[in-house]
Amino acid sequence: MNLYVVDWPGLGLRSLDVALPRALAELPSPPAVTALLRPDAPAPVRAPDGLRTAVRDLLRGRGYRPTGRGKPSSEYLAAAASRSALGSINAVVDAGNAVSLHAGLPISVVDLDRAAPPLRVDVPEPGTRYVFNPSGQEIDVGGLLSLFDRDGPCANAVKDAQRTKTDGATRRVLALVWGTDAAEAGYTGRVAAWLGELLRGLG
């Protein structure tokens, strides 16, 4: 899969193109993955000191403010897990959430059959918005580095668009690890490798 990525200072993006053996509805989330949704679960990767600030700095490049409701998804997961409110969604999303929780890097999970090619990582114009949940709530993604398909931005390090999220029929997935070069050398690669390992465990 070809993925154009705009030149963005400090971006250490990693992508995984995953073909599932069956529809996602037929793939239960493994207990070993759901166990990782606890903040105290043993994990092979742990966020280094300063990573939270580095991720926020990565997203500020074109005026976006990664605070409040617009903070990186990895921070949302950490807060939810601390309240024991991080539950299972599906096998693929659970894997992404588990890795993001422990690694401290935002991860997007997109249904490739719901995203219309060509795909690219670019910056939306000011005022660009999309719906991010089933109830129709919108997020302003202007200036926020995002994955685009033919119809516009559909995923980023904060909230992914509802129109390209996985569902029970999903068979092909694109996972994006929104890494930063400010982390220690090779860190984002190790995070992506762990995510790939969990996804391969689905068969």
N, C-alpha and C. Protein backbone atom coordinates (compact mmCIF):
# COMPACT_ATOMS: atom_id res chain seq x y z
N MET A 1 0.83 -1.19 0.00
CA MET A 1 0.00 0.00 0.00
C MET A 1 0.87 1.24 0.00
N ASN A 2 0.61 2.18 -0.92
CA ASN A 2 1.36 3.42 -0.98
C ASN A 2 0.72 4.45 -0.05
N LEU A 3 1.56 5.12 0.73
CA LEU A 3 1.07 6.13 1.66
C LEU A 3 2.01 7.32 1.59
N TYR A 4 1.53 8.41 1.00
CA TYR A 4 2.32 9.65 0.96
C TYR A 4 2.25 10.31 2.33
N VAL A 5 3.39 10.79 2.83
CA VAL A 5 3.44 11.46 4.12
C VAL A 5 4.09 12.82 3.94
N VAL A 6 3.37 13.86 4.34
CA VAL A 6 3.90 15.22 4.22
C VAL A 6 5.14 15.37 5.10
N ASP A 7 6.03 16.25 4.69
CA ASP A 7 7.22 16.53 5.48
C ASP A 7 6.79 17.26 6.76
N TRP A 8 7.03 16.63 7.92
CA TRP A 8 6.57 17.17 9.19
C TRP A 8 7.69 17.01 10.22
N PRO A 9 8.23 18.11 10.73
CA PRO A 9 9.35 18.02 11.67
C PRO A 9 9.03 17.14 12.88
N GLY A 10 9.91 16.19 13.15
CA GLY A 10 9.78 15.35 14.33
C GLY A 10 8.88 14.15 14.19
N LEU A 11 8.19 14.00 13.06
CA LEU A 11 7.26 12.88 12.91
C LEU A 11 8.01 11.57 12.69
N GLY A 12 7.68 10.56 13.51
CA GLY A 12 8.24 9.22 13.35
C GLY A 12 7.12 8.23 13.12
N LEU A 13 6.36 8.41 12.06
CA LEU A 13 5.17 7.60 11.79
C LEU A 13 5.55 6.18 11.40
N ARG A 14 4.78 5.19 11.91
CA ARG A 14 4.90 3.81 11.47
C ARG A 14 3.51 3.31 11.08
N SER A 15 3.43 2.53 10.02
CA SER A 15 2.14 2.02 9.56
C SER A 15 2.18 0.51 9.43
N LEU A 16 1.03 -0.12 9.71
CA LEU A 16 0.88 -1.57 9.56
C LEU A 16 -0.37 -1.82 8.74
N ASP A 17 -0.22 -2.58 7.67
CA ASP A 17 -1.32 -2.96 6.78
C ASP A 17 -1.67 -4.41 7.11
N VAL A 18 -2.87 -4.64 7.64
CA VAL A 18 -3.21 -5.94 8.22
C VAL A 18 -4.39 -6.55 7.48
N ALA A 19 -4.25 -7.80 7.06
CA ALA A 19 -5.34 -8.58 6.48
C ALA A 19 -5.79 -9.60 7.52
N LEU A 20 -7.05 -9.54 7.91
CA LEU A 20 -7.57 -10.45 8.92
C LEU A 20 -8.02 -11.77 8.27
N PRO A 21 -7.91 -12.88 8.99
CA PRO A 21 -8.29 -14.17 8.41
C PRO A 21 -9.80 -14.34 8.26
N ARG A 22 -10.56 -13.61 9.06
CA ARG A 22 -12.02 -13.66 9.02
C ARG A 22 -12.55 -12.28 9.35
N ALA A 23 -13.85 -12.09 9.18
CA ALA A 23 -14.45 -10.81 9.57
C ALA A 23 -14.17 -10.55 11.05
N LEU A 24 -14.03 -9.30 11.39
CA LEU A 24 -13.63 -8.93 12.75
C LEU A 24 -14.63 -9.44 13.78
N ALA A 25 -15.90 -9.50 13.43
CA ALA A 25 -16.91 -10.00 14.36
C ALA A 25 -16.66 -11.45 14.76
N GLU A 26 -15.92 -12.19 13.93
CA GLU A 26 -15.64 -13.60 14.19
C GLU A 26 -14.31 -13.81 14.91
N LEU A 27 -13.65 -12.71 15.29
CA LEU A 27 -12.34 -12.79 15.94
C LEU A 27 -12.45 -12.23 17.35
N PRO A 28 -12.69 -13.06 18.34
CA PRO A 28 -12.76 -12.54 19.72
C PRO A 28 -11.43 -11.96 20.16
N SER A 29 -11.51 -10.96 20.98
CA SER A 29 -10.29 -10.35 21.50
C SER A 29 -9.63 -11.32 22.48
N PRO A 30 -8.36 -11.70 22.24
CA PRO A 30 -7.70 -12.66 23.12
C PRO A 30 -7.60 -12.15 24.56
N PRO A 31 -7.77 -13.02 25.55
CA PRO A 31 -7.64 -12.59 26.94
C PRO A 31 -6.30 -11.92 27.24
N ALA A 32 -5.24 -12.37 26.56
CA ALA A 32 -3.93 -11.76 26.79
C ALA A 32 -3.91 -10.30 26.36
N VAL A 33 -4.75 -9.94 25.37
CA VAL A 33 -4.83 -8.55 24.92
C VAL A 33 -5.72 -7.74 25.85
N THR A 34 -6.88 -8.26 26.19
CA THR A 34 -7.77 -7.50 27.08
C THR A 34 -7.14 -7.29 28.46
N ALA A 35 -6.29 -8.23 28.88
CA ALA A 35 -5.60 -8.05 30.17
C ALA A 35 -4.67 -6.84 30.13
N LEU A 36 -4.19 -6.48 28.94
CA LEU A 36 -3.28 -5.35 28.79
C LEU A 36 -3.99 -4.00 28.89
N LEU A 37 -5.31 -4.00 28.96
CA LEU A 37 -6.05 -2.75 29.07
C LEU A 37 -6.03 -2.18 30.49
N ARG A 38 -5.32 -2.85 31.38
CA ARG A 38 -5.10 -2.33 32.74
C ARG A 38 -3.76 -1.60 32.78
N PRO A 39 -3.71 -0.46 33.43
CA PRO A 39 -2.44 0.31 33.45
C PRO A 39 -1.31 -0.39 34.17
N ASP A 40 -1.63 -1.32 35.08
CA ASP A 40 -0.58 -2.02 35.82
C ASP A 40 -0.19 -3.35 35.20
N ALA A 41 -0.73 -3.66 34.03
CA ALA A 41 -0.40 -4.94 33.38
C ALA A 41 1.05 -4.94 32.92
N PRO A 42 1.74 -6.07 33.03
CA PRO A 42 3.12 -6.16 32.50
C PRO A 42 3.12 -5.93 31.00
N ALA A 43 4.04 -5.11 30.52
CA ALA A 43 4.11 -4.79 29.09
C ALA A 43 5.57 -4.67 28.67
N PRO A 44 5.89 -5.06 27.42
CA PRO A 44 7.28 -5.01 26.97
C PRO A 44 7.77 -3.61 26.63
N VAL A 45 6.85 -2.65 26.57
CA VAL A 45 7.22 -1.27 26.25
C VAL A 45 6.58 -0.34 27.27
N ARG A 46 7.33 0.62 27.75
CA ARG A 46 6.81 1.62 28.67
C ARG A 46 7.22 3.01 28.19
N ALA A 47 6.30 3.95 28.30
CA ALA A 47 6.57 5.31 27.84
C ALA A 47 7.73 5.92 28.63
N PRO A 48 8.73 6.44 27.95
CA PRO A 48 9.83 7.09 28.66
C PRO A 48 9.42 8.46 29.19
N ASP A 49 10.17 8.97 30.13
CA ASP A 49 9.92 10.30 30.67
C ASP A 49 9.94 11.34 29.54
N GLY A 50 9.01 12.27 29.61
CA GLY A 50 8.99 13.35 28.63
C GLY A 50 8.22 13.05 27.36
N LEU A 51 7.74 11.82 27.20
CA LEU A 51 7.08 11.47 25.94
C LEU A 51 5.76 12.21 25.77
N ARG A 52 5.01 12.35 26.85
CA ARG A 52 3.72 13.05 26.76
C ARG A 52 3.89 14.45 26.18
N THR A 53 4.89 15.17 26.68
CA THR A 53 5.15 16.51 26.17
C THR A 53 5.61 16.47 24.73
N ALA A 54 6.44 15.49 24.38
CA ALA A 54 6.95 15.37 23.02
C ALA A 54 5.82 15.10 22.02
N VAL A 55 4.85 14.27 22.41
CA VAL A 55 3.73 13.99 21.52
C VAL A 55 2.88 15.25 21.33
N ARG A 56 2.62 15.97 22.40
CA ARG A 56 1.85 17.21 22.26
C ARG A 56 2.59 18.21 21.37
N ASP A 57 3.89 18.32 21.55
CA ASP A 57 4.67 19.25 20.73
C ASP A 57 4.60 18.86 19.25
N LEU A 58 4.58 17.56 18.98
CA LEU A 58 4.50 17.08 17.60
C LEU A 58 3.25 17.59 16.90
N LEU A 59 2.16 17.71 17.63
CA LEU A 59 0.88 18.06 17.02
C LEU A 59 0.65 19.56 16.90
N ARG A 60 1.55 20.37 17.44
CA ARG A 60 1.33 21.82 17.45
C ARG A 60 1.77 22.51 16.16
N GLY A 61 2.35 21.79 15.23
CA GLY A 61 3.04 22.40 14.09
C GLY A 61 2.30 23.45 13.31
N ARG A 62 0.98 23.28 13.12
CA ARG A 62 0.21 24.24 12.31
C ARG A 62 -0.88 24.92 13.11
N GLY A 63 -0.63 25.14 14.40
CA GLY A 63 -1.56 25.90 15.20
C GLY A 63 -2.55 25.09 16.00
N TYR A 64 -2.55 23.77 15.85
CA TYR A 64 -3.48 22.95 16.63
C TYR A 64 -3.05 22.95 18.09
N ARG A 65 -4.04 22.95 18.99
CA ARG A 65 -3.75 22.94 20.43
C ARG A 65 -4.18 21.61 21.03
N PRO A 66 -3.23 20.74 21.35
CA PRO A 66 -3.55 19.39 21.84
C PRO A 66 -3.84 19.36 23.34
N THR A 67 -4.89 20.07 23.75
CA THR A 67 -5.24 20.15 25.16
C THR A 67 -6.73 19.89 25.33
N GLY A 68 -7.16 19.71 26.57
CA GLY A 68 -8.59 19.51 26.83
C GLY A 68 -9.14 18.33 26.06
N ARG A 69 -10.28 18.55 25.40
CA ARG A 69 -10.89 17.48 24.61
C ARG A 69 -10.10 17.15 23.35
N GLY A 70 -9.13 18.01 23.02
CA GLY A 70 -8.32 17.77 21.83
C GLY A 70 -6.97 17.16 22.14
N LYS A 71 -6.81 16.58 23.33
CA LYS A 71 -5.51 16.01 23.69
C LYS A 71 -5.30 14.69 22.94
N PRO A 72 -4.05 14.24 22.84
CA PRO A 72 -3.75 12.97 22.15
C PRO A 72 -4.54 11.80 22.74
N SER A 73 -4.91 10.86 21.89
CA SER A 73 -5.73 9.73 22.32
C SER A 73 -5.02 8.88 23.37
N SER A 74 -3.70 8.84 23.34
CA SER A 74 -2.96 8.07 24.34
C SER A 74 -3.20 8.61 25.75
N GLU A 75 -3.37 9.91 25.88
CA GLU A 75 -3.67 10.51 27.18
C GLU A 75 -5.08 10.15 27.62
N TYR A 76 -6.02 10.16 26.68
CA TYR A 76 -7.39 9.76 27.01
C TYR A 76 -7.42 8.31 27.52
N LEU A 77 -6.69 7.43 26.85
CA LEU A 77 -6.66 6.02 27.25
C LEU A 77 -6.08 5.87 28.66
N ALA A 78 -5.01 6.60 28.93
CA ALA A 78 -4.39 6.51 30.26
C ALA A 78 -5.37 6.97 31.35
N ALA A 79 -6.11 8.04 31.08
CA ALA A 79 -7.08 8.53 32.06
C ALA A 79 -8.21 7.52 32.26
N ALA A 80 -8.71 6.94 31.14
CA ALA A 80 -9.79 5.96 31.24
C ALA A 80 -9.33 4.72 31.99
N ALA A 81 -8.12 4.25 31.70
CA ALA A 81 -7.61 3.05 32.36
C ALA A 81 -7.41 3.29 33.86
N SER A 82 -7.02 4.49 34.23
CA SER A 82 -6.82 4.79 35.66
C SER A 82 -8.13 4.74 36.43
N ARG A 83 -9.26 4.92 35.71
CA ARG A 83 -10.58 4.84 36.34
C ARG A 83 -11.23 3.48 36.13
N SER A 84 -10.46 2.52 35.61
CA SER A 84 -10.99 1.19 35.25
C SER A 84 -12.14 1.30 34.26
N ALA A 85 -12.05 2.30 33.35
CA ALA A 85 -13.12 2.55 32.40
C ALA A 85 -12.72 2.24 30.96
N LEU A 86 -11.61 1.53 30.80
CA LEU A 86 -11.14 1.18 29.46
C LEU A 86 -11.55 -0.25 29.16
N GLY A 87 -12.64 -0.42 28.42
CA GLY A 87 -13.17 -1.74 28.15
C GLY A 87 -12.83 -2.25 26.77
N SER A 88 -13.22 -3.48 26.49
CA SER A 88 -12.96 -4.11 25.20
C SER A 88 -13.92 -3.56 24.14
N ILE A 89 -13.42 -3.34 22.93
CA ILE A 89 -14.23 -2.87 21.80
C ILE A 89 -14.27 -3.94 20.72
N ASN A 90 -13.13 -4.28 20.17
CA ASN A 90 -12.98 -5.43 19.28
C ASN A 90 -11.51 -5.80 19.27
N ALA A 91 -11.18 -6.93 18.66
CA ALA A 91 -9.82 -7.47 18.78
C ALA A 91 -8.75 -6.51 18.26
N VAL A 92 -9.03 -5.84 17.16
CA VAL A 92 -8.03 -4.96 16.56
C VAL A 92 -7.89 -3.66 17.36
N VAL A 93 -9.02 -3.06 17.69
CA VAL A 93 -8.97 -1.83 18.47
C VAL A 93 -8.39 -2.08 19.85
N ASP A 94 -8.73 -3.23 20.46
CA ASP A 94 -8.16 -3.56 21.77
C ASP A 94 -6.63 -3.63 21.71
N ALA A 95 -6.11 -4.25 20.64
CA ALA A 95 -4.66 -4.33 20.49
C ALA A 95 -4.04 -2.94 20.38
N GLY A 96 -4.65 -2.09 19.55
CA GLY A 96 -4.14 -0.73 19.42
C GLY A 96 -4.22 0.05 20.71
N ASN A 97 -5.34 -0.09 21.42
CA ASN A 97 -5.50 0.63 22.69
C ASN A 97 -4.51 0.14 23.75
N ALA A 98 -4.29 -1.17 23.79
CA ALA A 98 -3.36 -1.72 24.78
C ALA A 98 -1.95 -1.19 24.54
N VAL A 99 -1.50 -1.21 23.30
CA VAL A 99 -0.16 -0.74 22.99
C VAL A 99 -0.05 0.76 23.25
N SER A 100 -1.05 1.53 22.82
CA SER A 100 -1.03 2.97 23.03
C SER A 100 -1.00 3.32 24.52
N LEU A 101 -1.79 2.59 25.31
CA LEU A 101 -1.84 2.84 26.75
C LEU A 101 -0.47 2.72 27.39
N HIS A 102 0.25 1.66 27.09
CA HIS A 102 1.53 1.42 27.75
C HIS A 102 2.69 2.16 27.09
N ALA A 103 2.60 2.36 25.78
CA ALA A 103 3.70 2.99 25.06
C ALA A 103 3.61 4.51 25.07
N GLY A 104 2.41 5.06 25.31
CA GLY A 104 2.26 6.50 25.36
C GLY A 104 2.22 7.18 24.01
N LEU A 105 2.06 6.41 22.93
CA LEU A 105 1.95 6.98 21.59
C LEU A 105 0.53 6.77 21.07
N PRO A 106 -0.07 7.79 20.44
CA PRO A 106 -1.39 7.61 19.85
C PRO A 106 -1.34 6.61 18.70
N ILE A 107 -2.41 5.84 18.54
CA ILE A 107 -2.50 4.86 17.45
C ILE A 107 -3.88 4.97 16.80
N SER A 108 -3.90 5.07 15.49
CA SER A 108 -5.15 5.07 14.73
C SER A 108 -5.38 3.69 14.13
N VAL A 109 -6.65 3.27 14.09
CA VAL A 109 -7.02 2.01 13.46
C VAL A 109 -8.14 2.30 12.47
N VAL A 110 -7.89 2.02 11.19
CA VAL A 110 -8.80 2.38 10.11
C VAL A 110 -9.19 1.15 9.31
N ASP A 111 -10.45 1.05 8.94
CA ASP A 111 -10.92 -0.02 8.05
C ASP A 111 -10.54 0.37 6.62
N LEU A 112 -9.62 -0.36 6.02
CA LEU A 112 -9.14 -0.01 4.68
C LEU A 112 -10.20 -0.13 3.61
N ASP A 113 -11.22 -0.93 3.83
CA ASP A 113 -12.28 -1.06 2.84
C ASP A 113 -13.31 0.06 2.95
N ARG A 114 -13.24 0.84 4.02
CA ARG A 114 -14.13 1.99 4.17
C ARG A 114 -13.41 3.29 3.84
N ALA A 115 -12.11 3.23 3.64
CA ALA A 115 -11.32 4.39 3.26
C ALA A 115 -11.06 4.33 1.76
N ALA A 116 -11.35 5.41 1.06
CA ALA A 116 -11.24 5.43 -0.40
C ALA A 116 -9.85 5.94 -0.80
N PRO A 117 -9.06 5.14 -1.53
CA PRO A 117 -7.73 5.60 -1.94
C PRO A 117 -7.85 6.75 -2.95
N PRO A 118 -6.74 7.52 -3.09
CA PRO A 118 -5.42 7.34 -2.47
C PRO A 118 -5.40 7.84 -1.02
N LEU A 119 -4.46 7.27 -0.24
CA LEU A 119 -4.29 7.67 1.15
C LEU A 119 -3.02 8.51 1.30
N ARG A 120 -3.11 9.48 2.19
CA ARG A 120 -1.92 10.31 2.46
C ARG A 120 -2.03 10.86 3.87
N VAL A 121 -0.89 11.25 4.43
CA VAL A 121 -0.85 11.94 5.71
C VAL A 121 -0.50 13.39 5.43
N ASP A 122 -1.39 14.29 5.80
CA ASP A 122 -1.26 15.70 5.44
C ASP A 122 -1.93 16.55 6.52
N VAL A 123 -2.08 17.82 6.25
CA VAL A 123 -2.61 18.76 7.25
C VAL A 123 -3.91 19.38 6.74
N PRO A 124 -5.03 19.19 7.43
CA PRO A 124 -6.29 19.79 7.01
C PRO A 124 -6.28 21.32 7.13
N GLU A 125 -7.08 21.95 6.29
CA GLU A 125 -7.22 23.40 6.34
C GLU A 125 -7.94 23.83 7.61
N PRO A 126 -7.72 25.07 8.06
CA PRO A 126 -8.44 25.57 9.24
C PRO A 126 -9.95 25.41 9.08
N GLY A 127 -10.60 25.01 10.16
CA GLY A 127 -12.05 24.86 10.13
C GLY A 127 -12.54 23.51 9.64
N THR A 128 -11.65 22.62 9.22
CA THR A 128 -12.05 21.30 8.77
C THR A 128 -12.57 20.48 9.94
N ARG A 129 -13.70 19.81 9.76
CA ARG A 129 -14.32 19.04 10.84
C ARG A 129 -14.76 17.68 10.32
N TYR A 130 -14.86 16.71 11.23
CA TYR A 130 -15.52 15.46 10.88
C TYR A 130 -16.17 14.83 12.11
N VAL A 131 -17.13 13.93 11.85
CA VAL A 131 -17.83 13.21 12.91
C VAL A 131 -16.93 12.10 13.43
N PHE A 132 -16.83 11.98 14.77
CA PHE A 132 -15.91 10.97 15.32
C PHE A 132 -16.60 9.90 16.16
N ASN A 133 -17.93 9.97 16.32
CA ASN A 133 -18.60 8.91 17.07
C ASN A 133 -20.02 8.68 16.55
N PRO A 134 -20.68 7.60 16.96
CA PRO A 134 -22.00 7.27 16.41
C PRO A 134 -23.07 8.31 16.71
N SER A 135 -22.88 9.12 17.75
CA SER A 135 -23.89 10.11 18.08
C SER A 135 -23.77 11.39 17.26
N GLY A 136 -22.77 11.45 16.39
CA GLY A 136 -22.64 12.59 15.47
C GLY A 136 -21.81 13.74 15.97
N GLN A 137 -21.09 13.58 17.08
CA GLN A 137 -20.22 14.65 17.57
C GLN A 137 -19.08 14.89 16.59
N GLU A 138 -18.66 16.15 16.47
CA GLU A 138 -17.62 16.52 15.53
C GLU A 138 -16.39 17.05 16.26
N ILE A 139 -15.26 16.93 15.59
CA ILE A 139 -14.01 17.51 16.06
C ILE A 139 -13.46 18.41 14.96
N ASP A 140 -12.92 19.56 15.36
CA ASP A 140 -12.24 20.46 14.44
C ASP A 140 -10.80 19.97 14.30
N VAL A 141 -10.42 19.51 13.10
CA VAL A 141 -9.09 18.96 12.88
C VAL A 141 -8.20 19.90 12.07
N GLY A 142 -8.63 21.14 11.92
CA GLY A 142 -7.81 22.09 11.18
C GLY A 142 -6.43 22.23 11.80
N GLY A 143 -5.39 22.05 10.99
CA GLY A 143 -4.02 22.16 11.46
C GLY A 143 -3.47 20.95 12.17
N LEU A 144 -4.31 19.89 12.30
CA LEU A 144 -3.88 18.68 13.01
C LEU A 144 -3.45 17.62 11.99
N LEU A 145 -2.19 17.22 12.03
CA LEU A 145 -1.67 16.20 11.13
C LEU A 145 -2.62 15.00 11.11
N SER A 146 -3.06 14.60 9.91
CA SER A 146 -4.12 13.59 9.80
C SER A 146 -3.91 12.67 8.60
N LEU A 147 -4.51 11.49 8.70
CA LEU A 147 -4.62 10.61 7.54
C LEU A 147 -5.79 11.08 6.70
N PHE A 148 -5.56 11.20 5.38
CA PHE A 148 -6.60 11.56 4.43
C PHE A 148 -6.90 10.37 3.53
N ASP A 149 -8.17 10.21 3.14
CA ASP A 149 -8.48 9.38 1.99
C ASP A 149 -9.07 10.31 0.92
N ARG A 150 -9.68 9.75 -0.10
CA ARG A 150 -10.19 10.57 -1.21
C ARG A 150 -11.21 11.60 -0.73
N ASP A 151 -11.92 11.30 0.34
CA ASP A 151 -13.02 12.16 0.79
C ASP A 151 -12.61 13.14 1.89
N GLY A 152 -11.33 13.14 2.27
CA GLY A 152 -10.88 14.09 3.28
C GLY A 152 -10.20 13.41 4.45
N PRO A 153 -9.92 14.17 5.52
CA PRO A 153 -9.25 13.58 6.68
C PRO A 153 -10.13 12.55 7.35
N CYS A 154 -9.51 11.47 7.88
CA CYS A 154 -10.31 10.39 8.48
C CYS A 154 -9.67 9.79 9.73
N ALA A 155 -8.49 10.23 10.11
CA ALA A 155 -7.86 9.70 11.32
C ALA A 155 -6.71 10.61 11.71
N ASN A 156 -6.40 10.61 13.01
CA ASN A 156 -5.25 11.38 13.50
C ASN A 156 -4.91 10.91 14.91
N ALA A 157 -4.00 11.60 15.55
CA ALA A 157 -3.52 11.19 16.87
C ALA A 157 -4.47 11.57 18.00
N VAL A 158 -5.61 12.17 17.66
CA VAL A 158 -6.58 12.59 18.68
C VAL A 158 -7.85 11.75 18.61
N LYS A 159 -8.58 11.84 17.50
CA LYS A 159 -9.80 11.06 17.32
C LYS A 159 -9.94 10.67 15.85
N ASP A 160 -10.28 9.41 15.60
CA ASP A 160 -10.49 8.94 14.24
C ASP A 160 -11.92 9.19 13.80
N ALA A 161 -12.11 9.34 12.49
CA ALA A 161 -13.44 9.61 11.95
C ALA A 161 -14.33 8.37 12.05
N GLN A 162 -15.59 8.60 12.33
CA GLN A 162 -16.54 7.50 12.44
C GLN A 162 -16.68 6.74 11.12
N ARG A 163 -16.57 7.45 10.00
CA ARG A 163 -16.86 6.83 8.69
C ARG A 163 -15.85 5.76 8.29
N THR A 164 -14.66 5.76 8.89
CA THR A 164 -13.67 4.75 8.52
C THR A 164 -13.27 3.85 9.69
N LYS A 165 -14.03 3.89 10.78
CA LYS A 165 -13.72 3.03 11.91
C LYS A 165 -14.07 1.57 11.59
N THR A 166 -13.44 0.67 12.30
CA THR A 166 -13.71 -0.76 12.12
C THR A 166 -15.10 -1.11 12.64
N ASP A 167 -15.66 -2.19 12.06
CA ASP A 167 -16.90 -2.76 12.57
C ASP A 167 -16.83 -4.27 12.40
N GLY A 168 -17.94 -4.95 12.62
CA GLY A 168 -17.93 -6.41 12.58
C GLY A 168 -17.54 -6.99 11.24
N ALA A 169 -17.73 -6.23 10.16
CA ALA A 169 -17.43 -6.73 8.81
C ALA A 169 -16.00 -6.47 8.38
N THR A 170 -15.22 -5.77 9.18
CA THR A 170 -13.86 -5.38 8.79
C THR A 170 -12.99 -6.60 8.50
N ARG A 171 -12.28 -6.53 7.35
CA ARG A 171 -11.33 -7.59 6.97
C ARG A 171 -9.92 -7.06 6.74
N ARG A 172 -9.81 -5.75 6.47
CA ARG A 172 -8.48 -5.16 6.22
C ARG A 172 -8.35 -3.90 7.07
N VAL A 173 -7.19 -3.77 7.70
CA VAL A 173 -6.97 -2.68 8.66
C VAL A 173 -5.66 -1.97 8.37
N LEU A 174 -5.69 -0.66 8.51
CA LEU A 174 -4.46 0.14 8.53
C LEU A 174 -4.31 0.69 9.94
N ALA A 175 -3.19 0.38 10.58
CA ALA A 175 -2.88 0.92 11.90
C ALA A 175 -1.72 1.90 11.76
N LEU A 176 -1.88 3.07 12.33
CA LEU A 176 -0.84 4.10 12.29
C LEU A 176 -0.37 4.41 13.70
N VAL A 177 0.93 4.31 13.93
CA VAL A 177 1.53 4.70 15.20
C VAL A 177 2.11 6.09 15.02
N TRP A 178 1.51 7.06 15.72
CA TRP A 178 1.93 8.45 15.57
C TRP A 178 3.13 8.70 16.49
N GLY A 179 4.30 8.32 16.01
CA GLY A 179 5.51 8.42 16.80
C GLY A 179 6.21 9.76 16.61
N THR A 180 7.16 10.02 17.48
CA THR A 180 7.93 11.25 17.43
C THR A 180 9.41 10.95 17.50
N ASP A 181 10.19 11.67 16.71
CA ASP A 181 11.64 11.50 16.72
C ASP A 181 12.26 12.00 18.02
N ALA A 182 11.46 12.70 18.85
CA ALA A 182 11.99 13.18 20.12
C ALA A 182 12.15 12.05 21.12
N ALA A 183 11.50 10.92 20.86
CA ALA A 183 11.68 9.76 21.74
C ALA A 183 13.05 9.14 21.50
N GLU A 184 13.44 8.24 22.38
CA GLU A 184 14.74 7.59 22.23
C GLU A 184 14.82 6.84 20.91
N ALA A 185 16.01 6.68 20.39
CA ALA A 185 16.21 6.06 19.09
C ALA A 185 15.57 4.68 19.03
N GLY A 186 14.79 4.44 17.99
CA GLY A 186 14.19 3.13 17.79
C GLY A 186 12.92 2.88 18.58
N TYR A 187 12.50 3.85 19.38
CA TYR A 187 11.35 3.61 20.26
C TYR A 187 10.07 3.34 19.47
N THR A 188 9.76 4.21 18.51
CA THR A 188 8.53 4.02 17.74
C THR A 188 8.55 2.70 16.99
N GLY A 189 9.70 2.30 16.49
CA GLY A 189 9.81 1.01 15.82
C GLY A 189 9.49 -0.14 16.74
N ARG A 190 9.94 -0.07 18.00
CA ARG A 190 9.65 -1.13 18.97
C ARG A 190 8.15 -1.17 19.29
N VAL A 191 7.56 0.01 19.37
CA VAL A 191 6.12 0.08 19.64
C VAL A 191 5.33 -0.56 18.49
N ALA A 192 5.70 -0.21 17.26
CA ALA A 192 5.02 -0.78 16.09
C ALA A 192 5.23 -2.28 16.01
N ALA A 193 6.42 -2.75 16.36
CA ALA A 193 6.70 -4.19 16.32
C ALA A 193 5.83 -4.93 17.33
N TRP A 194 5.65 -4.36 18.51
CA TRP A 194 4.78 -4.99 19.51
C TRP A 194 3.34 -5.03 19.02
N LEU A 195 2.87 -3.94 18.43
CA LEU A 195 1.51 -3.92 17.89
C LEU A 195 1.37 -4.99 16.81
N GLY A 196 2.36 -5.11 15.93
CA GLY A 196 2.31 -6.14 14.90
C GLY A 196 2.26 -7.54 15.48
N GLU A 197 2.98 -7.74 16.55
CA GLU A 197 2.98 -9.05 17.22
C GLU A 197 1.59 -9.38 17.76
N LEU A 198 0.93 -8.42 18.38
CA LEU A 198 -0.43 -8.65 18.91
C LEU A 198 -1.41 -8.91 17.77
N LEU A 199 -1.28 -8.17 16.69
CA LEU A 199 -2.20 -8.36 15.56
C LEU A 199 -1.98 -9.71 14.88
N ARG A 200 -0.72 -10.12 14.78
CA ARG A 200 -0.46 -11.45 14.19
C ARG A 200 -1.07 -12.55 15.06
N GLY A 201 -1.18 -12.30 16.34
CA GLY A 201 -1.80 -13.27 17.24
C GLY A 201 -3.27 -13.52 16.94
N LEU A 202 -3.88 -12.66 16.12
CA LEU A 202 -5.28 -12.86 15.74
C LEU A 202 -5.40 -13.89 14.61
N GLY A 203 -4.27 -14.31 14.07
CA GLY A 203 -4.30 -15.33 13.03
C GLY A 203 -3.96 -14.82 11.65
